[in-house]
């Protein structure tokens, strides 16, 4: 983990893990900002540690 922001209020916490950024929102803020709408319907696939190391979420899967 590189950094965490927003713990003071706990309404919107951002966790920066380097290749991945996690947004943790209270239900009311999540509904208001609708971040999922920005990313479209396609799921994000992340390969966790393996023989090839870590892959970025934007890299295609082997089956694509």
Protein backbone atom coordinates (compact mmCIF):
# COMPACT_ATOMS: atom_id res chain seq x y z
CA UNK A 1 0.00 0.00 0.00
CA UNK A 2 1.40 3.36 -1.03
CA UNK A 3 -1.03 5.75 0.68
CA UNK A 4 -4.48 6.15 2.21
CA UNK A 5 -6.58 9.33 2.17
CA UNK A 6 -9.91 10.20 3.76
CA UNK A 7 -9.71 8.27 7.01
CA UNK A 8 -10.40 11.47 8.97
CA UNK A 9 -14.05 11.63 7.97
CA UNK A 10 -14.52 8.08 6.65
CA UNK A 11 -17.03 9.23 4.03
CA UNK A 12 -14.78 8.53 1.04
CA UNK A 13 -11.56 6.63 1.64
CA UNK A 14 -9.05 6.22 -1.18
CA UNK A 15 -6.47 3.43 -0.90
CA UNK A 16 -3.58 3.67 -3.38
CA UNK A 17 -1.97 0.26 -3.85
CA UNK A 18 0.19 1.27 -6.82
CA UNK A 19 -1.37 -0.47 -9.83
CA UNK A 20 -4.80 -0.47 -8.17
CA UNK A 21 -6.70 2.36 -6.49
CA UNK A 22 -9.62 1.40 -4.23
CA UNK A 23 -12.47 3.82 -3.47
CA UNK A 24 -14.48 3.06 -0.32
CA UNK A 25 -17.57 5.26 -0.04
CA UNK A 26 -20.49 5.61 2.32
CA UNK A 27 -23.72 4.43 0.59
CA UNK A 28 -25.09 7.97 0.15
CA UNK A 29 -21.90 9.22 -1.55
CA UNK A 30 -21.64 6.08 -3.67
CA UNK A 31 -25.16 6.66 -4.95
CA UNK A 32 -24.45 10.36 -5.61
CA UNK A 33 -21.16 9.95 -7.53
CA UNK A 34 -22.03 6.67 -9.29
CA UNK A 35 -18.38 5.84 -10.03
CA UNK A 36 -19.35 2.50 -11.57
CA UNK A 37 -21.03 4.41 -14.40
CA UNK A 38 -17.68 5.88 -15.43
CA UNK A 39 -16.20 2.46 -16.12
CA UNK A 40 -19.00 1.04 -18.26
CA UNK A 41 -20.36 -2.49 -18.20
CA UNK A 42 -17.07 -4.30 -18.85
CA UNK A 43 -15.58 -5.81 -15.69
CA UNK A 44 -12.00 -5.04 -14.72
CA UNK A 45 -9.84 -8.14 -14.54
CA UNK A 46 -6.70 -8.11 -12.42
CA UNK A 47 -4.18 -10.94 -12.39
CA UNK A 48 -2.76 -11.45 -8.93
CA UNK A 49 0.79 -12.64 -8.25
CA UNK A 50 1.72 -15.57 -10.43
CA UNK A 51 4.51 -16.88 -12.61
CA UNK A 52 4.40 -13.79 -14.84
CA UNK A 53 4.15 -11.30 -11.98
CA UNK A 54 1.45 -8.66 -11.68
CA UNK A 55 -0.51 -7.42 -14.68
CA UNK A 56 -2.19 -4.06 -15.02
CA UNK A 57 -5.99 -4.06 -15.07
CA UNK A 58 -5.87 -2.58 -18.58
CA UNK A 59 -3.89 -5.50 -20.01
CA UNK A 60 -6.00 -8.06 -21.90
CA UNK A 61 -6.54 -11.57 -20.61
CA UNK A 62 -5.01 -14.49 -22.48
CA UNK A 63 -8.45 -15.35 -23.90
CA UNK A 64 -9.01 -11.90 -25.45
